[in-house]
Amino acid sequence: MGRSATVRVEPARVLAWLRTRHPDADLVALRPLGADAQAGLKDYGYGRPLRVTFTAAGRTHDLVLRTMAPDPFGHHRRADRVADLVLCHDTFGAIPRHIRPAEVGAFTPDGDLRPLPDGEPYLITEFVEGRLYADDLHRLAAADEAPVPDLARAEALARYLADLHRAPARPVDYVRAVRDLLGSGEGIFGLCDSYPADHPVATPARLRAIEHRALDWRWRLRPLVHRARRTHGDFHPFNLLFRAGTDLSVLDCSRGAAGDPADDLTCLSINYLFFALVERGAFEGALRALWDRFWGAWADAADDAALYEVVAPYFAWRGLVVASPVWYPRVDDATRDRLLRFVERLLEGDPFHPRRVDDLLA
């Protein structure tokens, strides 16, 4: 994902960069490290460390220009490579006798070298008006009946996802998404690490068993690369903005915008269940009606009956979020226990269908 990594390292661009630091610099040689290669000045491909030899102030100097090429080890996104090289810049100087970092930067699309400043990153986006969909769920949690406009919104969200997921993604993105589902700091392992060690309901033994079952699911999902689709990656009610009717904007697409559609479907739908359990102690009323309408509208709009066979670890991930005493400290332990039982039953292989949710919660 992201911009192309096919940048050529051109001597003229390297010299221009050198002269921003040493106005009298002259480039002597640009040659790859770690391989027998002809010394001299030529263009080189992105992803190989280069020894840069130059003169300035009457002396000869050497630097190493390091770049990264995409690879299947967690570096296929541009953001991965930026993060890795920034981490190198931040840590190389902390180790005794380690080579010292000089600068971290980025190649422009034209091939110029531009430094990145020190400090924390930021992102600026446009602003749009709207109310969070979470406000709707709070309002409806105690209601017995779902108003027609709210049912229409549930349908609109289902159709949005069906349309979103029609775009294919690369197999490497699918494998990455399945791996991150478990192993990332925001995935199942990271969430389990965030639970207090002395929690009376989410005990370490219980969380460990959930992790083990989820790991088995990873090896069931991993070959299913034909399921790779464009995804949102964090499709929960706090990332959805509605204006009048079904006029929708979405926020904070996450995790590379690719993976399994089950990620988005479970991320949203578990919140119907969660908000109802917290408010009513049972999955009934208006939010149950939204659950039914959402899943029904999705089934009508999408051709993906196999999704029911792969949702378990994604529901486990999102279940660990809503059961978390860190994210939701005021949820009572009885509700946490029901949410974790829902997770455990799915991971054990119980069939999922939206109409069978009561069996999984019992």
Protein backbone atom coordinates (compact mmCIF):
# COMPACT_ATOMS: atom_id res chain seq x y z
CA MET A 1 0.00 0.00 0.00
CA GLY A 2 1.06 3.59 -0.31
CA ARG A 3 3.31 5.27 -2.79
CA SER A 4 5.72 3.45 -5.05
CA ALA A 5 9.07 2.28 -3.71
CA THR A 6 10.71 2.27 -7.15
CA VAL A 7 12.77 5.40 -6.48
CA ARG A 8 16.15 5.60 -8.23
CA VAL A 9 19.03 6.96 -6.21
CA GLU A 10 20.62 9.43 -8.61
CA PRO A 11 24.09 10.91 -8.07
CA ALA A 12 22.91 14.42 -8.96
CA ARG A 13 20.21 14.27 -6.28
CA VAL A 14 22.66 12.95 -3.70
CA LEU A 15 25.09 15.77 -4.55
CA ALA A 16 22.32 18.35 -4.22
CA TRP A 17 21.51 16.96 -0.78
CA LEU A 18 25.20 17.01 0.24
CA ARG A 19 25.50 20.67 -0.77
CA THR A 20 22.67 21.62 1.60
CA ARG A 21 25.06 20.55 4.37
CA HIS A 22 28.46 21.22 2.75
CA PRO A 23 28.18 23.97 0.11
CA ASP A 24 31.54 23.04 -1.47
CA ALA A 25 30.88 19.28 -1.62
CA ASP A 26 31.82 17.19 -4.64
CA LEU A 27 30.65 13.63 -5.05
CA VAL A 28 33.52 11.17 -5.62
CA ALA A 29 31.79 7.80 -5.61
CA LEU A 30 28.44 6.15 -4.98
CA ARG A 31 28.71 2.40 -4.58
CA PRO A 32 26.62 -0.36 -2.97
CA LEU A 33 27.77 -1.97 0.26
CA GLY A 34 27.74 -5.68 0.85
CA ALA A 35 28.29 -6.65 -2.79
CA ASP A 36 31.09 -6.64 -5.29
CA ALA A 37 30.29 -3.77 -7.61
CA GLN A 38 32.13 -1.37 -9.86
CA ALA A 39 33.05 1.77 -7.98
CA GLY A 40 32.01 5.06 -9.45
CA LEU A 41 28.98 7.17 -10.13
CA LYS A 42 25.82 5.56 -11.42
CA ASP A 43 22.16 5.30 -10.53
CA TYR A 44 21.19 2.63 -8.05
CA GLY A 45 17.90 1.04 -7.14
CA TYR A 46 16.04 1.66 -3.94
CA GLY A 47 16.59 -0.77 -1.08
CA ARG A 48 20.38 -1.19 -0.99
CA PRO A 49 22.79 0.62 1.37
CA LEU A 50 25.16 2.88 -0.55
CA ARG A 51 28.55 4.22 0.46
CA VAL A 52 28.67 7.91 -0.40
CA THR A 53 32.22 9.27 -0.80
CA PHE A 54 32.57 13.03 -1.18
CA THR A 55 35.01 15.86 -0.62
CA ALA A 56 34.31 19.02 1.36
CA ALA A 57 36.51 21.60 3.07
CA GLY A 58 39.61 19.97 1.59
CA ARG A 59 38.92 16.52 3.07
CA THR A 60 37.41 13.25 1.91
CA HIS A 61 34.35 12.00 3.79
CA ASP A 62 32.17 8.90 3.73
CA LEU A 63 28.55 8.35 4.67
CA VAL A 64 26.13 5.47 4.21
CA LEU A 65 22.77 6.09 2.53
CA ARG A 66 20.28 3.44 3.66
CA THR A 67 16.93 2.73 2.06
CA MET A 68 14.43 -0.10 2.39
CA ALA A 69 12.62 -2.04 -0.28
CA PRO A 70 9.24 -3.68 0.32
CA ASP A 71 9.42 -7.21 1.69
CA PRO A 72 6.95 -9.72 3.18
CA PHE A 73 8.33 -9.27 6.71
CA GLY A 74 6.14 -6.36 7.69
CA HIS A 75 7.66 -3.74 5.36
CA HIS A 76 5.39 -3.82 2.30
CA ARG A 77 3.64 -0.57 3.26
CA ARG A 78 5.41 2.76 2.90
CA ALA A 79 4.40 3.50 6.50
CA ASP A 80 6.27 0.36 7.65
CA ARG A 81 9.47 1.52 6.02
CA VAL A 82 9.15 5.04 7.38
CA ALA A 83 8.57 3.66 10.87
CA ASP A 84 11.56 1.31 10.64
CA LEU A 85 14.01 3.96 9.48
CA VAL A 86 12.75 6.50 12.04
CA LEU A 87 13.30 3.87 14.72
CA CYS A 88 16.85 3.36 13.45
CA HIS A 89 17.45 7.10 13.68
CA ASP A 90 16.08 7.20 17.23
CA THR A 91 17.99 4.19 18.58
CA PHE A 92 21.34 3.86 16.77
CA GLY A 93 22.92 6.50 18.98
CA ALA A 94 21.77 4.79 22.18
CA ILE A 95 24.02 1.74 21.81
CA PRO A 96 27.71 1.91 22.77
CA ARG A 97 30.07 1.66 19.79
CA HIS A 98 27.16 1.64 17.36
CA ILE A 99 27.44 3.61 14.15
CA ARG A 100 25.88 7.03 14.67
CA PRO A 101 22.83 8.26 12.75
CA ALA A 102 23.11 11.51 10.84
CA GLU A 103 19.63 12.12 9.42
CA VAL A 104 16.39 10.40 8.50
CA GLY A 105 14.43 11.61 5.52
CA ALA A 106 12.33 10.72 2.52
CA PHE A 107 12.75 10.71 -1.24
CA THR A 108 10.29 12.94 -3.05
CA PRO A 109 8.56 11.47 -6.11
CA ASP A 110 11.20 13.29 -8.21
CA GLY A 111 14.05 11.63 -6.33
CA ASP A 112 15.17 14.55 -4.15
CA LEU A 113 16.25 13.80 -0.58
CA ARG A 114 14.25 15.66 2.07
CA PRO A 115 14.98 15.40 5.81
CA LEU A 116 12.29 14.57 8.34
CA PRO A 117 12.43 16.76 11.44
CA ASP A 118 12.78 15.39 14.94
CA GLY A 119 9.65 15.23 17.05
CA GLU A 120 6.32 13.49 16.97
CA PRO A 121 4.50 13.03 13.64
CA TYR A 122 1.20 14.65 12.83
CA LEU A 123 -1.50 14.34 10.22
CA ILE A 124 -3.82 17.06 8.96
CA THR A 125 -7.14 16.14 7.33
CA GLU A 126 -10.26 17.90 6.17
CA PHE A 127 -13.11 18.56 8.61
CA VAL A 128 -16.66 17.30 8.04
CA GLU A 129 -19.80 17.92 10.06
CA GLY A 130 -21.78 15.07 11.55
CA ARG A 131 -22.76 13.15 14.66
CA LEU A 132 -21.07 9.96 15.76
CA TYR A 133 -23.03 6.79 15.14
CA ALA A 134 -22.20 5.89 18.75
CA ASP A 135 -24.68 8.61 19.78
CA ASP A 136 -27.41 6.67 17.99
CA LEU A 137 -26.50 3.47 19.81
CA HIS A 138 -26.50 5.23 23.18
CA ARG A 139 -29.93 6.67 22.39
CA LEU A 140 -31.36 3.35 21.25
CA ALA A 141 -29.86 1.07 23.90
CA ALA A 142 -32.89 1.38 26.22
CA ALA A 143 -35.51 1.52 23.46
CA ASP A 144 -37.76 -1.43 22.72
CA GLU A 145 -38.39 -0.52 19.10
CA ALA A 146 -36.03 0.75 16.40
CA PRO A 147 -37.33 3.80 14.51
CA VAL A 148 -37.46 3.50 10.74
CA PRO A 149 -34.64 6.07 10.18
CA ASP A 150 -32.33 4.03 12.42
CA LEU A 151 -33.13 0.83 10.57
CA ALA A 152 -32.33 2.70 7.36
CA ARG A 153 -28.93 3.66 8.74
CA ALA A 154 -28.14 0.05 9.63
CA GLU A 155 -29.03 -0.93 6.06
CA ALA A 156 -26.91 1.89 4.65
CA LEU A 157 -23.89 0.75 6.66
CA ALA A 158 -24.32 -2.82 5.44
CA ARG A 159 -24.52 -1.66 1.82
CA TYR A 160 -21.51 0.59 2.30
CA LEU A 161 -19.43 -2.36 3.46
CA ALA A 162 -20.69 -4.64 0.71
CA ASP A 163 -19.60 -2.03 -1.84
CA LEU A 164 -16.29 -1.38 -0.09
CA HIS A 165 -15.40 -5.07 -0.03
CA ARG A 166 -15.97 -5.61 -3.74
CA ALA A 167 -12.51 -4.21 -4.48
CA PRO A 168 -9.83 -6.94 -4.29
CA ALA A 169 -6.59 -6.60 -2.38
CA ARG A 170 -3.22 -8.30 -2.65
CA PRO A 171 -2.58 -11.70 -1.04
CA VAL A 172 0.34 -10.19 0.91
CA ASP A 173 -2.07 -7.73 2.50
CA TYR A 174 -4.39 -10.55 3.55
CA VAL A 175 -1.59 -12.55 5.18
CA ARG A 176 -0.41 -9.39 6.95
CA ALA A 177 -3.92 -8.62 8.20
CA VAL A 178 -4.35 -12.13 9.60
CA ARG A 179 -0.96 -11.90 11.31
CA ASP A 180 -1.73 -8.48 12.75
CA LEU A 181 -5.12 -9.72 13.97
CA LEU A 182 -3.20 -11.73 16.54
CA GLY A 183 0.28 -10.35 16.89
CA SER A 184 0.08 -6.57 16.65
CA GLY A 185 -0.01 -4.32 19.69
CA GLU A 186 -3.60 -3.45 18.77
CA GLY A 187 -4.55 -7.08 18.05
CA ILE A 188 -5.47 -10.01 20.25
CA PHE A 189 -2.05 -10.36 21.89
CA GLY A 190 -1.75 -6.65 22.60
CA LEU A 191 -5.24 -6.51 24.08
CA CYS A 192 -4.57 -9.49 26.32
CA ASP A 193 -1.41 -7.77 27.53
CA SER A 194 -3.48 -4.72 28.50
CA TYR A 195 -5.76 -6.58 30.90
CA PRO A 196 -4.86 -6.32 34.60
CA ALA A 197 -3.15 -9.47 35.84
CA ASP A 198 -5.52 -9.75 38.81
CA HIS A 199 -8.81 -9.29 36.99
CA PRO A 200 -11.44 -11.65 38.51
CA VAL A 201 -13.19 -12.42 35.21
CA ALA A 202 -10.50 -12.04 32.54
CA THR A 203 -7.89 -14.08 34.38
CA PRO A 204 -4.48 -14.72 32.83
CA ALA A 205 -5.40 -18.39 32.34
CA ARG A 206 -8.58 -17.43 30.50
CA LEU A 207 -6.82 -14.94 28.26
CA ARG A 208 -4.06 -17.43 27.54
CA ALA A 209 -6.63 -20.00 26.41
CA ILE A 210 -8.24 -17.40 24.12
CA GLU A 211 -4.84 -16.65 22.60
CA HIS A 212 -4.15 -20.34 21.96
CA ARG A 213 -7.48 -20.85 20.24
CA ALA A 214 -6.98 -17.72 18.16
CA LEU A 215 -3.57 -18.99 17.06
CA ASP A 216 -5.20 -22.14 15.69
CA TRP A 217 -7.60 -19.93 13.76
CA ARG A 218 -4.70 -18.01 12.21
CA TRP A 219 -3.54 -21.18 10.49
CA ARG A 220 -7.07 -21.83 9.27
CA LEU A 221 -7.37 -18.33 7.81
CA ARG A 222 -3.86 -17.87 6.47
CA PRO A 223 -4.32 -19.84 3.20
CA LEU A 224 -7.55 -18.01 2.32
CA VAL A 225 -5.84 -15.26 0.35
CA HIS A 226 -8.68 -15.26 -2.19
CA ARG A 227 -10.64 -13.40 0.51
CA ALA A 228 -8.32 -10.38 0.32
CA ARG A 229 -10.45 -7.26 -0.06
CA ARG A 230 -10.34 -3.55 0.52
CA THR A 231 -11.39 -2.91 4.12
CA HIS A 232 -11.78 0.01 6.49
CA GLY A 233 -9.99 -1.75 9.36
CA ASP A 234 -11.64 0.03 12.31
CA PHE A 235 -15.30 0.28 11.36
CA HIS A 236 -16.79 1.03 14.77
CA PRO A 237 -19.47 3.56 15.79
CA PHE A 238 -16.94 6.15 16.93
CA ASN A 239 -15.49 6.29 13.41
CA LEU A 240 -18.81 6.83 11.61
CA LEU A 241 -20.38 10.26 11.16
CA PHE A 242 -23.96 10.72 10.05
CA ARG A 243 -25.65 13.88 8.92
CA ALA A 244 -29.28 13.93 7.80
CA GLY A 245 -30.74 10.52 7.07
CA THR A 246 -28.10 8.14 5.73
CA ASP A 247 -25.59 10.79 4.64
CA LEU A 248 -22.37 9.22 5.94
CA SER A 249 -18.66 9.99 6.33
CA VAL A 250 -16.12 7.56 7.75
CA LEU A 251 -13.05 8.32 9.84
CA ASP A 252 -9.71 6.70 10.54
CA CYS A 253 -9.27 3.90 8.03
CA SER A 254 -6.69 1.65 9.69
CA ARG A 255 -4.27 -1.21 9.22
CA GLY A 256 -3.50 -0.79 5.56
CA ALA A 257 -7.07 -0.68 4.22
CA ALA A 258 -6.90 -4.36 3.24
CA GLY A 259 -7.79 -7.71 4.77
CA ASP A 260 -10.88 -9.84 5.28
CA PRO A 261 -14.39 -8.34 5.13
CA ALA A 262 -15.10 -10.15 8.41
CA ASP A 263 -12.97 -7.53 10.16
CA ASP A 264 -15.36 -4.68 9.30
CA LEU A 265 -18.58 -6.67 9.78
CA THR A 266 -17.63 -7.82 13.28
CA CYS A 267 -16.16 -4.48 14.30
CA LEU A 268 -19.48 -2.72 13.81
CA SER A 269 -21.99 -5.42 14.67
CA ILE A 270 -20.50 -6.35 18.04
CA ASN A 271 -21.36 -2.84 19.19
CA TYR A 272 -25.10 -3.50 18.72
CA LEU A 273 -24.66 -6.45 21.06
CA PHE A 274 -22.38 -4.61 23.49
CA PHE A 275 -24.48 -1.46 23.92
CA ALA A 276 -27.59 -3.59 24.52
CA LEU A 277 -25.92 -5.84 27.09
CA VAL A 278 -24.54 -2.89 29.01
CA GLU A 279 -27.88 -1.08 29.11
CA ARG A 280 -30.37 -3.95 29.39
CA GLY A 281 -28.41 -7.02 30.45
CA ALA A 282 -29.85 -8.82 27.42
CA PHE A 283 -29.51 -8.61 23.67
CA GLU A 284 -32.98 -7.39 22.85
CA GLY A 285 -34.89 -4.26 21.93
CA ALA A 286 -33.98 -1.70 19.30
CA LEU A 287 -30.33 -2.69 19.00
CA ARG A 288 -31.26 -6.32 18.39
CA ALA A 289 -33.49 -5.08 15.57
CA LEU A 290 -30.54 -3.11 14.15
CA TRP A 291 -28.35 -6.22 14.37
CA ASP A 292 -30.91 -8.21 12.41
CA ARG A 293 -31.44 -5.48 9.84
CA PHE A 294 -27.67 -4.89 9.38
CA TRP A 295 -26.83 -8.56 8.83
CA GLY A 296 -29.87 -9.11 6.63
CA ALA A 297 -29.08 -6.12 4.43
CA TRP A 298 -25.47 -7.22 4.14
CA ALA A 299 -26.48 -10.75 3.10
CA ASP A 300 -28.72 -9.26 0.41
CA ALA A 301 -25.96 -6.96 -0.88
CA ALA A 302 -22.92 -9.22 -0.63
CA ASP A 303 -22.15 -12.62 -2.12
CA ASP A 304 -20.03 -14.00 0.71
CA ALA A 305 -21.74 -16.79 2.65
CA ALA A 306 -18.27 -18.13 3.53
CA LEU A 307 -17.77 -15.11 5.79
CA TYR A 308 -19.76 -16.86 8.53
CA GLU A 309 -17.04 -19.52 8.63
CA VAL A 310 -14.19 -17.06 9.34
CA VAL A 311 -15.69 -14.49 11.73
CA ALA A 312 -14.64 -16.17 14.99
CA PRO A 313 -11.18 -14.63 15.52
CA TYR A 314 -12.40 -11.22 14.36
CA PHE A 315 -15.25 -11.32 16.86
CA ALA A 316 -12.66 -12.44 19.43
CA TRP A 317 -10.53 -9.38 18.72
CA ARG A 318 -13.44 -6.98 18.97
CA GLY A 319 -14.88 -8.86 21.93
CA LEU A 320 -11.63 -8.35 23.82
CA VAL A 321 -11.92 -4.63 23.08
CA VAL A 322 -15.45 -4.18 24.43
CA ALA A 323 -14.78 -6.48 27.41
CA SER A 324 -11.62 -4.54 28.27
CA PRO A 325 -11.49 -2.90 31.71
CA VAL A 326 -9.04 -0.42 30.20
CA TRP A 327 -11.32 0.74 27.39
CA TYR A 328 -14.60 0.30 29.30
CA PRO A 329 -13.88 0.45 33.05
CA ARG A 330 -17.53 0.91 34.10
CA VAL A 331 -18.84 -2.27 32.49
CA ASP A 332 -19.91 -4.78 35.16
CA ASP A 333 -18.15 -8.11 35.45
CA ALA A 334 -21.24 -10.11 34.52
CA THR A 335 -21.31 -8.37 31.13
CA ARG A 336 -17.58 -8.89 30.65
CA ASP A 337 -18.06 -12.57 31.37
CA ARG A 338 -20.84 -12.89 28.78
CA LEU A 339 -18.74 -11.13 26.17
CA LEU A 340 -15.78 -13.43 26.82
CA ARG A 341 -18.04 -16.50 26.71
CA PHE A 342 -19.28 -15.31 23.32
CA VAL A 343 -15.65 -15.09 22.20
CA GLU A 344 -14.71 -18.50 23.63
CA ARG A 345 -17.65 -20.32 22.05
CA LEU A 346 -16.89 -18.92 18.64
CA LEU A 347 -13.20 -19.75 18.89
CA GLU A 348 -14.08 -23.32 19.88
CA GLY A 349 -15.71 -23.65 16.48
CA ASP A 350 -19.41 -23.15 17.18
CA PRO A 351 -21.10 -22.16 13.91
CA PHE A 352 -21.90 -18.51 13.56
CA HIS A 353 -24.98 -17.11 12.00
CA PRO A 354 -26.47 -13.78 13.07
CA ARG A 355 -29.73 -15.51 13.98
CA ARG A 356 -27.87 -17.84 16.38
CA VAL A 357 -26.33 -15.12 18.50
CA ASP A 358 -28.52 -16.01 21.52
CA ASP A 359 -27.01 -19.50 21.64
CA LEU A 360 -23.51 -18.00 21.73
CA LEU A 361 -24.45 -15.60 24.53
CA ALA A 362 -26.32 -18.09 26.71
